[in-house]
Amino acid sequence: MIPFLNVLQYLVLALWVGSIFGFGLLFAPVLFASLSSREQAGSIAGTVLARIDALGLVTGGIMLVVTALQAIDSAWQSIDLGRLLVAVVMLALVVVSATTVRSKLNAAKEKMERPIDEYAQDDPLRKEHNQYHRVSRLLFTVNLVLGVVLIVLSALR
């Protein structure tokens, strides 16, 4: 059973981290550079990010279950607390991003009656939006870095 669980864990990890990498370093820059409307690009990016968060919740949950099954199978002798901790932190960041930050960012957008670029940089609505956007990007970036750490830790295992 352990070989199957190892393969499953690697697959979900690759899918999760690959989606984060693909969006952040490939898709989003092209999207914002290609579309003339930042509003449209932001709307598309938000939809994709929501799907990446859902994928993270599923794959992160699978990783935790697989880790628990591996520990049980080995009578709790081979649990890797470092990898488990990184996966738990990644999953927690996705939960915070999906449930709190994204809802606050969307609420800030809903207050705006026109495209964000039409608001002055010091406008309170734009500042509120930008604040939540920065937090969202930070959580996303930290998750990408932690994902790479988790891949390295898994490879060294």
Protein backbone atom coordinates (compact mmCIF):
# COMPACT_ATOMS: atom_id res chain seq x y z
CA MET A 1 0.00 0.00 0.00
CA ILE A 2 2.90 2.39 0.74
CA PRO A 3 4.12 2.62 -2.91
CA PHE A 4 0.60 3.55 -4.05
CA LEU A 5 0.32 6.18 -1.31
CA ASN A 6 3.74 7.61 -2.20
CA VAL A 7 2.77 7.91 -5.87
CA LEU A 8 -0.58 9.46 -4.95
CA GLN A 9 1.12 11.96 -2.65
CA TYR A 10 3.62 12.98 -5.34
CA LEU A 11 0.87 13.32 -7.95
CA VAL A 12 -1.36 15.57 -5.86
CA LEU A 13 1.65 17.61 -4.76
CA ALA A 14 2.77 18.07 -8.37
CA LEU A 15 -0.75 19.05 -9.40
CA TRP A 16 -1.13 21.55 -6.55
CA VAL A 17 2.28 23.21 -6.84
CA GLY A 18 2.17 23.06 -10.63
CA SER A 19 -1.13 24.93 -10.71
CA ILE A 20 0.25 27.62 -8.40
CA PHE A 21 3.42 27.94 -10.46
CA GLY A 22 1.57 27.89 -13.79
CA PHE A 23 -0.84 30.59 -12.74
CA GLY A 24 1.56 32.89 -10.96
CA LEU A 25 4.52 32.75 -13.28
CA LEU A 26 2.94 31.90 -16.64
CA PHE A 27 -0.80 32.58 -16.94
CA ALA A 28 -1.38 35.76 -14.91
CA PRO A 29 1.43 37.82 -16.46
CA VAL A 30 0.29 36.88 -19.97
CA LEU A 31 -3.35 37.54 -19.09
CA PHE A 32 -2.71 41.04 -17.75
CA ALA A 33 -0.33 41.88 -20.60
CA SER A 34 -2.73 40.65 -23.29
CA LEU A 35 -6.04 42.15 -22.25
CA SER A 36 -6.58 45.88 -22.53
CA SER A 37 -8.99 45.86 -19.58
CA ARG A 38 -7.48 45.22 -16.16
CA GLU A 39 -11.04 44.68 -14.92
CA GLN A 40 -11.59 41.82 -17.35
CA ALA A 41 -8.16 40.33 -16.63
CA GLY A 42 -8.78 40.62 -12.89
CA SER A 43 -12.16 38.95 -13.23
CA ILE A 44 -10.69 36.03 -15.17
CA ALA A 45 -7.75 35.77 -12.77
CA GLY A 46 -10.12 35.74 -9.78
CA THR A 47 -12.12 32.90 -11.29
CA VAL A 48 -8.98 30.88 -11.99
CA LEU A 49 -7.63 31.59 -8.49
CA ALA A 50 -10.86 30.34 -6.94
CA ARG A 51 -10.41 27.09 -8.86
CA ILE A 52 -6.77 26.83 -7.81
CA ASP A 53 -7.86 27.33 -4.19
CA ALA A 54 -10.47 24.58 -4.57
CA LEU A 55 -7.81 22.33 -6.09
CA GLY A 56 -5.51 23.20 -3.17
CA LEU A 57 -8.20 22.26 -0.66
CA VAL A 58 -8.76 18.91 -2.34
CA THR A 59 -5.11 18.05 -2.97
CA GLY A 60 -4.01 19.35 0.43
CA GLY A 61 -6.70 17.25 2.08
CA ILE A 62 -5.61 14.19 0.12
CA MET A 63 -2.00 14.80 1.16
CA LEU A 64 -2.96 14.94 4.83
CA VAL A 65 -5.04 11.75 4.58
CA VAL A 66 -2.23 9.96 2.72
CA THR A 67 0.31 11.11 5.32
CA ALA A 68 -1.93 9.78 8.10
CA LEU A 69 -2.40 6.46 6.28
CA GLN A 70 1.37 6.15 5.77
CA ALA A 71 1.95 6.81 9.47
CA ILE A 72 -0.70 4.28 10.50
CA ASP A 73 0.68 1.69 8.07
CA SER A 74 4.13 2.05 9.60
CA ALA A 75 2.79 2.04 13.17
CA TRP A 76 3.63 5.76 13.39
CA GLN A 77 7.35 5.04 12.87
CA SER A 78 7.82 6.84 9.56
CA ILE A 79 5.82 10.03 9.92
CA ASP A 80 7.72 12.98 8.48
CA LEU A 81 6.74 15.89 10.70
CA GLY A 82 8.56 18.46 8.57
CA ARG A 83 6.64 17.57 5.42
CA LEU A 84 3.41 17.27 7.36
CA LEU A 85 3.89 20.71 8.90
CA VAL A 86 4.60 22.34 5.53
CA ALA A 87 1.50 20.69 4.01
CA VAL A 88 -0.67 21.82 6.94
CA VAL A 89 0.60 25.40 6.64
CA MET A 90 -0.03 25.37 2.89
CA LEU A 91 -3.56 24.09 3.42
CA ALA A 92 -4.20 26.69 6.13
CA LEU A 93 -3.03 29.46 3.81
CA VAL A 94 -5.43 28.27 1.12
CA VAL A 95 -8.29 28.23 3.62
CA VAL A 96 -7.48 31.78 4.79
CA SER A 97 -7.11 33.00 1.22
CA ALA A 98 -10.28 31.35 -0.04
CA THR A 99 -12.54 32.16 2.87
CA THR A 100 -11.32 35.46 4.25
CA VAL A 101 -9.03 37.40 1.96
CA ARG A 102 -10.85 36.66 -1.29
CA SER A 103 -14.24 37.55 0.22
CA LYS A 104 -12.86 40.85 1.54
CA LEU A 105 -11.24 41.57 -1.82
CA ASN A 106 -14.52 40.85 -3.60
CA ALA A 107 -16.42 43.03 -1.14
CA ALA A 108 -13.98 45.87 -1.79
CA LYS A 109 -14.50 45.45 -5.56
CA GLU A 110 -18.28 45.51 -5.15
CA LYS A 111 -18.08 48.91 -3.46
CA MET A 112 -16.48 50.34 -6.57
CA GLU A 113 -18.90 51.78 -9.10
CA ARG A 114 -16.34 52.08 -11.90
CA PRO A 115 -13.11 50.33 -12.95
CA ILE A 116 -10.33 50.44 -10.37
CA ASP A 117 -7.99 52.35 -12.70
CA GLU A 118 -10.43 55.26 -12.65
CA TYR A 119 -9.86 55.72 -8.90
CA ALA A 120 -6.96 57.81 -7.63
CA GLN A 121 -4.15 55.92 -5.90
CA ASP A 122 -5.06 57.54 -2.58
CA ASP A 123 -8.81 56.88 -2.88
CA PRO A 124 -9.96 54.85 0.15
CA LEU A 125 -11.76 52.29 -2.04
CA ARG A 126 -8.68 51.70 -4.17
CA LYS A 127 -6.44 51.55 -1.09
CA GLU A 128 -8.73 48.97 0.52
CA HIS A 129 -8.76 46.88 -2.66
CA ASN A 130 -4.98 47.12 -3.04
CA GLN A 131 -4.45 46.11 0.60
CA TYR A 132 -6.41 42.87 0.19
CA HIS A 133 -4.80 42.25 -3.20
CA ARG A 134 -1.33 42.52 -1.62
CA VAL A 135 -2.30 40.07 1.12
CA SER A 136 -3.72 37.68 -1.48
CA ARG A 137 -0.51 37.85 -3.53
CA LEU A 138 1.61 37.34 -0.41
CA LEU A 139 -0.33 34.22 0.61
CA PHE A 140 -0.10 32.92 -2.96
CA THR A 141 3.66 33.52 -3.09
CA VAL A 142 4.27 31.93 0.31
CA ASN A 143 2.27 28.90 -0.80
CA LEU A 144 4.38 28.61 -3.96
CA VAL A 145 7.61 28.77 -1.95
CA LEU A 146 6.30 26.25 0.60
CA GLY A 147 5.21 23.99 -2.25
CA VAL A 148 8.73 24.02 -3.67
CA VAL A 149 10.09 23.29 -0.18
CA LEU A 150 7.65 20.39 0.12
CA ILE A 151 8.75 18.98 -3.24
CA VAL A 152 12.41 19.19 -2.19
CA LEU A 153 11.68 17.58 1.18
CA SER A 154 9.71 14.83 -0.58
CA ALA A 155 12.52 14.21 -3.06
CA LEU A 156 15.09 13.97 -0.26
CA ARG A 157 12.92 11.53 1.69
